[in-house]
Amino acid sequence: MRLNIVLVEPEIPANTGNISRTCSVIDAQLHLVHPLGFDISEKAVKRAGLDYWDELKLYEYQSFDEVRSKYPDGEFYFCTTKASNTYSRVKFPVDSDKDIFLVFGKETKGLPEELLRENMENCIRIPMKINKRSLNLSNSVAVVAYEVLRQNDFKNLEEKGHLHND
């Protein structure tokens, strides 16, 4: 299983920087769909990603259709507050060669409703209190990505921490 994070038209540079750092430490690929609300070289993006940029597998596209056509066999999950299915109820592919794509929309509007309607069976949400808009985008990415990794027993990730003197 290879994990991919797709951000469709992200607007806030610090969120994308934080997500790039998450992608780097969990060995996920990051796919950015234009237009972006910032220049990828902006200081805020780089600062949030710290020194992980050189390890990041980053791809850019002009449309979401471009992502879909490049990965026709990928399993796409659309993260939205409008879904009825929660991310924790999904059985993500385990021990497979499948590419899993977690797709997130822009901070102010989420994913286009037409895209959600076309993929309703693969729309997932994070539970939260009624009348709350959403979690921060970078937090949402981490929550769902780590569930995929948990279901795959954190394969290829370090399982044990170390003190500095060890």
N, C-alpha and C. Protein backbone atom coordinates (compact mmCIF):
# COMPACT_ATOMS: atom_id res chain seq x y z
N MET A 1 0.84 -1.17 0.00
CA MET A 1 0.00 0.00 0.00
C MET A 1 0.89 1.24 0.00
N ARG A 2 0.58 2.15 -0.90
CA ARG A 2 1.29 3.42 -0.94
C ARG A 2 0.27 4.52 -0.68
N LEU A 3 0.56 5.34 0.32
CA LEU A 3 -0.36 6.39 0.73
C LEU A 3 -0.05 7.69 0.00
N ASN A 4 -1.10 8.33 -0.50
CA ASN A 4 -1.00 9.59 -1.22
C ASN A 4 -1.98 10.58 -0.62
N ILE A 5 -1.54 11.80 -0.43
CA ILE A 5 -2.39 12.88 0.05
C ILE A 5 -2.58 13.85 -1.11
N VAL A 6 -3.84 14.16 -1.43
CA VAL A 6 -4.16 15.09 -2.51
C VAL A 6 -4.83 16.32 -1.90
N LEU A 7 -4.28 17.48 -2.17
CA LEU A 7 -4.88 18.74 -1.74
C LEU A 7 -5.38 19.47 -2.97
N VAL A 8 -6.69 19.63 -3.05
CA VAL A 8 -7.31 20.30 -4.19
C VAL A 8 -7.46 21.79 -3.87
N GLU A 9 -6.69 22.59 -4.55
CA GLU A 9 -6.71 24.05 -4.42
C GLU A 9 -6.50 24.54 -2.98
N PRO A 10 -5.44 24.09 -2.31
CA PRO A 10 -5.20 24.59 -0.94
C PRO A 10 -4.94 26.09 -0.96
N GLU A 11 -5.35 26.75 0.14
CA GLU A 11 -5.28 28.21 0.18
C GLU A 11 -4.28 28.77 1.20
N ILE A 12 -3.99 28.01 2.24
CA ILE A 12 -3.19 28.54 3.34
C ILE A 12 -1.81 27.89 3.34
N PRO A 13 -0.77 28.67 3.14
CA PRO A 13 0.57 28.09 3.01
C PRO A 13 1.02 27.29 4.23
N ALA A 14 0.69 27.75 5.43
CA ALA A 14 1.14 27.02 6.62
C ALA A 14 0.52 25.63 6.69
N ASN A 15 -0.73 25.49 6.29
CA ASN A 15 -1.36 24.17 6.28
C ASN A 15 -0.63 23.23 5.33
N THR A 16 -0.35 23.70 4.13
CA THR A 16 0.36 22.87 3.16
C THR A 16 1.75 22.53 3.67
N GLY A 17 2.41 23.47 4.32
CA GLY A 17 3.72 23.18 4.91
C GLY A 17 3.63 22.11 5.98
N ASN A 18 2.64 22.21 6.86
CA ASN A 18 2.46 21.19 7.91
C ASN A 18 2.15 19.83 7.30
N ILE A 19 1.31 19.82 6.27
CA ILE A 19 0.96 18.56 5.61
C ILE A 19 2.17 17.97 4.92
N SER A 20 3.01 18.80 4.35
CA SER A 20 4.23 18.29 3.70
C SER A 20 5.13 17.60 4.72
N ARG A 21 5.19 18.16 5.91
CA ARG A 21 5.98 17.54 6.97
C ARG A 21 5.39 16.19 7.37
N THR A 22 4.07 16.13 7.53
CA THR A 22 3.41 14.87 7.84
C THR A 22 3.70 13.84 6.75
N CYS A 23 3.55 14.25 5.50
CA CYS A 23 3.81 13.33 4.39
C CYS A 23 5.24 12.80 4.43
N SER A 24 6.16 13.66 4.74
CA SER A 24 7.56 13.25 4.78
C SER A 24 7.81 12.21 5.86
N VAL A 25 7.25 12.41 7.05
CA VAL A 25 7.55 11.49 8.15
C VAL A 25 6.79 10.16 8.05
N ILE A 26 5.71 10.13 7.25
CA ILE A 26 4.98 8.86 7.08
C ILE A 26 5.22 8.26 5.70
N ASP A 27 6.10 8.86 4.91
CA ASP A 27 6.46 8.39 3.57
C ASP A 27 5.25 8.37 2.63
N ALA A 28 4.43 9.42 2.71
CA ALA A 28 3.30 9.57 1.79
C ALA A 28 3.69 10.57 0.70
N GLN A 29 3.12 10.38 -0.46
CA GLN A 29 3.33 11.32 -1.55
C GLN A 29 2.30 12.45 -1.43
N LEU A 30 2.71 13.68 -1.76
CA LEU A 30 1.82 14.83 -1.70
C LEU A 30 1.54 15.31 -3.11
N HIS A 31 0.25 15.44 -3.43
CA HIS A 31 -0.20 15.88 -4.74
C HIS A 31 -0.97 17.19 -4.56
N LEU A 32 -0.52 18.24 -5.21
CA LEU A 32 -1.17 19.55 -5.12
C LEU A 32 -1.88 19.86 -6.44
N VAL A 33 -3.17 20.18 -6.33
CA VAL A 33 -3.95 20.52 -7.52
C VAL A 33 -4.15 22.03 -7.55
N HIS A 34 -3.74 22.65 -8.65
CA HIS A 34 -3.83 24.10 -8.85
C HIS A 34 -5.26 24.50 -9.17
N PRO A 35 -5.61 25.77 -8.92
CA PRO A 35 -4.73 26.83 -8.46
C PRO A 35 -4.48 26.76 -6.96
N LEU A 36 -3.27 27.12 -6.58
CA LEU A 36 -2.90 27.20 -5.17
C LEU A 36 -3.15 28.64 -4.70
N GLY A 37 -3.45 28.80 -3.44
CA GLY A 37 -3.69 30.14 -2.89
C GLY A 37 -2.40 30.82 -2.47
N PHE A 38 -1.26 30.32 -2.93
CA PHE A 38 0.04 30.83 -2.53
C PHE A 38 1.07 30.31 -3.51
N ASP A 39 2.27 30.83 -3.41
CA ASP A 39 3.39 30.34 -4.20
C ASP A 39 4.07 29.26 -3.37
N ILE A 40 4.32 28.12 -3.95
CA ILE A 40 4.90 26.97 -3.22
C ILE A 40 6.26 27.32 -2.61
N SER A 41 6.91 28.33 -3.11
CA SER A 41 8.21 28.71 -2.55
C SER A 41 8.09 29.71 -1.40
N GLU A 42 6.85 30.08 -1.04
CA GLU A 42 6.66 31.06 0.03
C GLU A 42 7.31 30.61 1.34
N LYS A 43 7.81 31.58 2.07
CA LYS A 43 8.48 31.33 3.33
C LYS A 43 7.60 30.57 4.32
N ALA A 44 6.31 30.89 4.38
CA ALA A 44 5.39 30.24 5.33
C ALA A 44 5.26 28.74 5.05
N VAL A 45 5.25 28.36 3.78
CA VAL A 45 5.17 26.94 3.42
C VAL A 45 6.45 26.25 3.84
N LYS A 46 7.56 26.82 3.49
CA LYS A 46 8.86 26.22 3.80
C LYS A 46 9.08 26.14 5.31
N ARG A 47 8.71 27.18 6.04
CA ARG A 47 8.91 27.19 7.49
C ARG A 47 8.10 26.07 8.16
N ALA A 48 6.86 25.90 7.75
CA ALA A 48 6.01 24.87 8.36
C ALA A 48 6.52 23.48 8.05
N GLY A 49 7.10 23.30 6.88
CA GLY A 49 7.64 21.98 6.51
C GLY A 49 9.03 21.74 7.07
N LEU A 50 9.61 22.78 7.64
CA LEU A 50 10.95 22.73 8.23
C LEU A 50 11.96 22.15 7.26
N ASP A 51 12.75 21.23 7.72
CA ASP A 51 13.82 20.70 6.87
C ASP A 51 13.45 19.39 6.20
N TYR A 52 12.16 19.16 6.00
CA TYR A 52 11.71 17.91 5.40
C TYR A 52 11.45 18.03 3.90
N TRP A 53 11.57 19.21 3.32
CA TRP A 53 11.22 19.40 1.92
C TRP A 53 12.03 18.54 0.98
N ASP A 54 13.31 18.34 1.29
CA ASP A 54 14.14 17.55 0.38
C ASP A 54 13.77 16.07 0.38
N GLU A 55 13.02 15.60 1.38
CA GLU A 55 12.60 14.20 1.45
C GLU A 55 11.18 14.00 0.93
N LEU A 56 10.51 15.07 0.58
CA LEU A 56 9.11 15.01 0.19
C LEU A 56 8.95 14.62 -1.28
N LYS A 57 8.02 13.70 -1.53
CA LYS A 57 7.66 13.34 -2.90
C LYS A 57 6.46 14.22 -3.26
N LEU A 58 6.72 15.29 -4.00
CA LEU A 58 5.72 16.31 -4.29
C LEU A 58 5.41 16.34 -5.78
N TYR A 59 4.11 16.36 -6.11
CA TYR A 59 3.66 16.42 -7.50
C TYR A 59 2.63 17.53 -7.62
N GLU A 60 2.61 18.21 -8.76
CA GLU A 60 1.65 19.28 -8.98
C GLU A 60 0.87 19.01 -10.26
N TYR A 61 -0.41 19.40 -10.24
CA TYR A 61 -1.33 19.15 -11.35
C TYR A 61 -2.16 20.40 -11.61
N GLN A 62 -2.67 20.51 -12.81
CA GLN A 62 -3.54 21.62 -13.16
C GLN A 62 -5.01 21.33 -12.88
N SER A 63 -5.36 20.04 -12.71
CA SER A 63 -6.74 19.67 -12.41
C SER A 63 -6.77 18.34 -11.66
N PHE A 64 -7.88 18.09 -10.96
CA PHE A 64 -8.02 16.82 -10.27
C PHE A 64 -8.15 15.67 -11.27
N ASP A 65 -8.77 15.94 -12.43
CA ASP A 65 -8.89 14.90 -13.47
C ASP A 65 -7.51 14.40 -13.89
N GLU A 66 -6.53 15.28 -13.87
CA GLU A 66 -5.16 14.90 -14.22
C GLU A 66 -4.62 13.86 -13.22
N VAL A 67 -4.93 14.03 -11.94
CA VAL A 67 -4.51 13.06 -10.91
C VAL A 67 -5.19 11.72 -11.19
N ARG A 68 -6.51 11.75 -11.38
CA ARG A 68 -7.27 10.51 -11.62
C ARG A 68 -6.75 9.76 -12.85
N SER A 69 -6.45 10.48 -13.92
CA SER A 69 -6.00 9.80 -15.13
C SER A 69 -4.58 9.24 -14.98
N LYS A 70 -3.77 9.86 -14.14
CA LYS A 70 -2.42 9.34 -13.92
C LYS A 70 -2.43 8.07 -13.07
N TYR A 71 -3.47 7.90 -12.21
CA TYR A 71 -3.57 6.75 -11.32
C TYR A 71 -4.94 6.08 -11.48
N PRO A 72 -5.20 5.48 -12.63
CA PRO A 72 -6.54 4.91 -12.87
C PRO A 72 -6.90 3.75 -11.93
N ASP A 73 -5.92 3.08 -11.37
CA ASP A 73 -6.18 1.95 -10.47
C ASP A 73 -6.13 2.34 -9.00
N GLY A 74 -5.93 3.61 -8.72
CA GLY A 74 -5.85 4.06 -7.34
C GLY A 74 -7.20 3.99 -6.64
N GLU A 75 -7.16 3.83 -5.32
CA GLU A 75 -8.38 3.87 -4.50
C GLU A 75 -8.46 5.27 -3.91
N PHE A 76 -9.49 6.01 -4.30
CA PHE A 76 -9.65 7.40 -3.89
C PHE A 76 -10.72 7.51 -2.81
N TYR A 77 -10.39 8.23 -1.74
CA TYR A 77 -11.31 8.51 -0.64
C TYR A 77 -11.39 10.03 -0.51
N PHE A 78 -12.61 10.54 -0.47
CA PHE A 78 -12.86 11.97 -0.48
C PHE A 78 -13.26 12.43 0.91
N CYS A 79 -12.43 13.23 1.52
CA CYS A 79 -12.63 13.66 2.91
C CYS A 79 -13.45 14.94 2.92
N THR A 80 -14.61 14.86 3.59
CA THR A 80 -15.54 15.97 3.57
C THR A 80 -16.44 15.93 4.80
N THR A 81 -16.87 17.09 5.25
CA THR A 81 -17.82 17.15 6.36
C THR A 81 -19.21 16.72 5.91
N LYS A 82 -19.42 16.58 4.61
CA LYS A 82 -20.75 16.26 4.06
C LYS A 82 -21.01 14.76 3.92
N ALA A 83 -20.06 13.93 4.28
CA ALA A 83 -20.22 12.47 4.13
C ALA A 83 -21.02 11.90 5.30
N SER A 84 -21.63 10.74 5.08
CA SER A 84 -22.31 10.06 6.17
C SER A 84 -21.43 8.97 6.78
N ASN A 85 -20.45 8.49 6.04
CA ASN A 85 -19.55 7.42 6.51
C ASN A 85 -18.32 8.03 7.19
N THR A 86 -17.97 7.54 8.38
CA THR A 86 -16.79 8.06 9.06
C THR A 86 -15.54 7.29 8.62
N TYR A 87 -14.42 7.97 8.67
CA TYR A 87 -13.15 7.40 8.22
C TYR A 87 -12.79 6.14 9.00
N SER A 88 -13.18 6.04 10.25
CA SER A 88 -12.79 4.90 11.09
C SER A 88 -13.58 3.63 10.75
N ARG A 89 -14.66 3.76 9.99
CA ARG A 89 -15.46 2.59 9.58
C ARG A 89 -14.99 2.00 8.26
N VAL A 90 -14.14 2.71 7.56
CA VAL A 90 -13.65 2.24 6.27
C VAL A 90 -12.58 1.18 6.48
N LYS A 91 -12.64 0.13 5.71
CA LYS A 91 -11.60 -0.90 5.70
C LYS A 91 -10.68 -0.58 4.52
N PHE A 92 -9.59 0.11 4.82
CA PHE A 92 -8.64 0.47 3.77
C PHE A 92 -7.88 -0.77 3.34
N PRO A 93 -7.42 -0.82 2.07
CA PRO A 93 -6.66 -1.98 1.61
C PRO A 93 -5.44 -2.23 2.49
N VAL A 94 -5.29 -3.45 2.92
CA VAL A 94 -4.18 -3.83 3.78
C VAL A 94 -3.25 -4.76 3.01
N ASP A 95 -1.96 -4.57 3.20
CA ASP A 95 -0.96 -5.43 2.57
C ASP A 95 -1.22 -5.64 1.08
N SER A 96 -1.43 -4.56 0.38
CA SER A 96 -1.64 -4.66 -1.06
C SER A 96 -0.70 -3.69 -1.75
N ASP A 97 -0.66 -3.79 -3.06
CA ASP A 97 0.15 -2.86 -3.86
C ASP A 97 -0.68 -1.66 -4.31
N LYS A 98 -1.87 -1.53 -3.75
CA LYS A 98 -2.77 -0.45 -4.13
C LYS A 98 -2.23 0.92 -3.72
N ASP A 99 -2.48 1.89 -4.56
CA ASP A 99 -2.25 3.28 -4.20
C ASP A 99 -3.53 3.80 -3.56
N ILE A 100 -3.42 4.31 -2.34
CA ILE A 100 -4.56 4.91 -1.64
C ILE A 100 -4.39 6.42 -1.69
N PHE A 101 -5.45 7.10 -2.12
CA PHE A 101 -5.44 8.55 -2.22
C PHE A 101 -6.47 9.13 -1.27
N LEU A 102 -6.02 9.97 -0.35
CA LEU A 102 -6.91 10.71 0.53
C LEU A 102 -7.00 12.12 -0.04
N VAL A 103 -8.20 12.50 -0.47
CA VAL A 103 -8.40 13.75 -1.19
C VAL A 103 -9.08 14.77 -0.27
N PHE A 104 -8.48 15.94 -0.17
CA PHE A 104 -8.99 17.02 0.68
C PHE A 104 -9.17 18.28 -0.16
N GLY A 105 -10.19 19.05 0.17
CA GLY A 105 -10.47 20.29 -0.55
C GLY A 105 -9.87 21.51 0.10
N LYS A 106 -10.14 22.64 -0.51
CA LYS A 106 -9.62 23.91 0.00
C LYS A 106 -10.23 24.24 1.36
N GLU A 107 -9.49 25.01 2.13
CA GLU A 107 -9.88 25.30 3.50
C GLU A 107 -11.23 26.00 3.62
N THR A 108 -11.58 26.88 2.71
CA THR A 108 -12.81 27.66 2.85
C THR A 108 -14.06 26.98 2.31
N LYS A 109 -13.91 26.03 1.39
CA LYS A 109 -15.09 25.45 0.74
C LYS A 109 -15.08 23.93 0.68
N GLY A 110 -13.95 23.30 0.95
CA GLY A 110 -13.88 21.85 0.81
C GLY A 110 -13.83 21.45 -0.65
N LEU A 111 -14.23 20.21 -0.92
CA LEU A 111 -14.23 19.68 -2.28
C LEU A 111 -15.49 20.10 -3.02
N PRO A 112 -15.42 20.21 -4.34
CA PRO A 112 -16.61 20.57 -5.11
C PRO A 112 -17.73 19.53 -4.91
N GLU A 113 -18.95 20.01 -4.74
CA GLU A 113 -20.08 19.10 -4.48
C GLU A 113 -20.31 18.12 -5.61
N GLU A 114 -20.05 18.52 -6.84
CA GLU A 114 -20.21 17.61 -7.98
C GLU A 114 -19.27 16.40 -7.83
N LEU A 115 -18.04 16.66 -7.42
CA LEU A 115 -17.08 15.58 -7.21
C LEU A 115 -17.56 14.66 -6.08
N LEU A 116 -18.11 15.22 -5.03
CA LEU A 116 -18.63 14.43 -3.92
C LEU A 116 -19.81 13.57 -4.38
N ARG A 117 -20.72 14.15 -5.13
CA ARG A 117 -21.89 13.39 -5.62
C ARG A 117 -21.44 12.22 -6.50
N GLU A 118 -20.45 12.43 -7.33
CA GLU A 118 -19.95 11.38 -8.23
C GLU A 118 -19.24 10.26 -7.48
N ASN A 119 -18.82 10.51 -6.26
CA ASN A 119 -18.01 9.55 -5.50
C ASN A 119 -18.55 9.32 -4.10
N MET A 120 -19.86 9.44 -3.92
CA MET A 120 -20.47 9.39 -2.60
C MET A 120 -20.09 8.13 -1.80
N GLU A 121 -19.94 6.99 -2.47
CA GLU A 121 -19.60 5.75 -1.76
C GLU A 121 -18.20 5.78 -1.17
N ASN A 122 -17.36 6.70 -1.63
CA ASN A 122 -16.00 6.81 -1.11
C ASN A 122 -15.77 8.12 -0.38
N CYS A 123 -16.85 8.77 0.04
CA CYS A 123 -16.73 10.00 0.84
C CYS A 123 -16.69 9.62 2.32
N ILE A 124 -15.76 10.23 3.04
CA ILE A 124 -15.60 9.93 4.46
C ILE A 124 -15.47 11.24 5.24
N ARG A 125 -15.80 11.15 6.53
CA ARG A 125 -15.72 12.34 7.38
C ARG A 125 -15.11 11.99 8.73
N ILE A 126 -14.70 13.01 9.42
CA ILE A 126 -14.21 12.90 10.80
C ILE A 126 -15.35 13.37 11.70
N PRO A 127 -15.78 12.57 12.67
CA PRO A 127 -16.88 13.01 13.55
C PRO A 127 -16.47 14.23 14.38
N MET A 128 -17.44 15.10 14.60
CA MET A 128 -17.22 16.27 15.44
C MET A 128 -18.57 16.78 15.94
N LYS A 129 -18.54 17.74 16.83
CA LYS A 129 -19.76 18.29 17.39
C LYS A 129 -20.64 18.89 16.29
N ILE A 130 -21.95 18.83 16.54
CA ILE A 130 -22.91 19.44 15.63
C ILE A 130 -22.66 20.95 15.57
N ASN A 131 -22.89 21.53 14.43
CA ASN A 131 -22.76 22.97 14.17
C ASN A 131 -21.33 23.48 14.20
N LYS A 132 -20.36 22.59 14.11
CA LYS A 132 -18.97 23.02 13.96
C LYS A 132 -18.59 22.81 12.50
N ARG A 133 -17.85 23.75 11.94
CA ARG A 133 -17.53 23.70 10.51
C ARG A 133 -16.60 22.55 10.16
N SER A 134 -15.41 22.54 10.75
CA SER A 134 -14.45 21.49 10.42
C SER A 134 -13.19 21.65 11.27
N LEU A 135 -12.38 20.62 11.24
CA LEU A 135 -11.05 20.70 11.83
C LEU A 135 -10.13 21.47 10.88
N ASN A 136 -9.00 21.89 11.38
CA ASN A 136 -7.97 22.46 10.53
C ASN A 136 -7.55 21.41 9.50
N LEU A 137 -7.26 21.83 8.29
CA LEU A 137 -6.91 20.92 7.20
C LEU A 137 -5.72 20.03 7.54
N SER A 138 -4.68 20.59 8.10
CA SER A 138 -3.50 19.76 8.39
C SER A 138 -3.79 18.73 9.48
N ASN A 139 -4.65 19.09 10.44
CA ASN A 139 -5.05 18.11 11.46
C ASN A 139 -5.88 16.99 10.85
N SER A 140 -6.79 17.36 9.95
CA SER A 140 -7.64 16.36 9.30
C SER A 140 -6.81 15.36 8.50
N VAL A 141 -5.83 15.87 7.77
CA VAL A 141 -4.96 14.98 7.00
C VAL A 141 -4.27 13.99 7.93
N ALA A 142 -3.73 14.47 9.03
CA ALA A 142 -3.02 13.59 9.96
C ALA A 142 -3.94 12.54 10.56
N VAL A 143 -5.15 12.93 10.97
CA VAL A 143 -6.09 11.99 11.59
C VAL A 143 -6.40 10.84 10.63
N VAL A 144 -6.78 11.16 9.41
CA VAL A 144 -7.20 10.12 8.46
C VAL A 144 -5.99 9.31 7.99
N ALA A 145 -4.88 9.97 7.71
CA ALA A 145 -3.68 9.25 7.24
C ALA A 145 -3.22 8.24 8.28
N TYR A 146 -3.22 8.61 9.54
CA TYR A 146 -2.77 7.69 10.57
C TYR A 146 -3.74 6.52 10.77
N GLU A 147 -5.00 6.70 10.45
CA GLU A 147 -5.92 5.56 10.50
C GLU A 147 -5.58 4.56 9.40
N VAL A 148 -5.28 5.04 8.21
CA VAL A 148 -4.85 4.15 7.13
C VAL A 148 -3.59 3.40 7.56
N LEU A 149 -2.65 4.12 8.12
CA LEU A 149 -1.40 3.49 8.57
C LEU A 149 -1.63 2.50 9.70
N ARG A 150 -2.51 2.83 10.63
CA ARG A 150 -2.83 1.92 11.74
C ARG A 150 -3.40 0.62 11.20
N GLN A 151 -4.31 0.71 10.26
CA GLN A 151 -4.90 -0.50 9.69
C GLN A 151 -3.87 -1.34 8.95
N ASN A 152 -2.79 -0.72 8.54
CA ASN A 152 -1.70 -1.44 7.89
C ASN A 152 -0.54 -1.70 8.85
N ASP A 153 -0.84 -1.71 10.15
CA ASP A 153 0.15 -1.99 11.20
C ASP A 153 1.39 -1.10 11.12
N PHE A 154 1.21 0.13 10.66
CA PHE A 154 2.32 1.09 10.56
C PHE A 154 3.51 0.51 9.82
N LYS A 155 3.22 -0.29 8.82
CA LYS A 155 4.25 -0.95 8.02
C LYS A 155 5.28 0.05 7.51
N ASN A 156 6.54 -0.29 7.66
CA ASN A 156 7.70 0.51 7.22
C ASN A 156 7.93 1.79 8.02
N LEU A 157 7.24 1.93 9.14
CA LEU A 157 7.50 3.07 10.01
C LEU A 157 8.16 2.58 11.29
N GLU A 158 9.01 3.40 11.86
CA GLU A 158 9.71 3.03 13.09
C GLU A 158 8.69 2.84 14.21
N GLU A 159 8.79 1.72 14.88
CA GLU A 159 7.82 1.39 15.91
C GLU A 159 8.28 1.73 17.32
N LYS A 160 9.53 2.09 17.48
CA LYS A 160 10.08 2.28 18.80
C LYS A 160 10.82 3.62 18.88
N GLY A 161 10.54 4.37 19.92
CA GLY A 161 11.25 5.62 20.13
C GLY A 161 12.57 5.40 20.84
N HIS A 162 13.41 6.39 20.82
CA HIS A 162 14.73 6.30 21.45
C HIS A 162 15.03 7.58 22.20
N LEU A 163 15.59 7.43 23.41
CA LEU A 163 16.09 8.59 24.14
C LEU A 163 17.40 9.02 23.50
N HIS A 164 17.77 10.25 23.66
CA HIS A 164 18.98 10.76 23.02
C HIS A 164 20.25 10.06 23.48
N ASN A 165 20.25 9.50 24.68
CA ASN A 165 21.45 8.83 25.18
C ASN A 165 21.52 7.36 24.78
N ASP A 166 20.49 6.84 24.13
CA ASP A 166 20.49 5.41 23.73
C ASP A 166 21.32 5.17 22.50
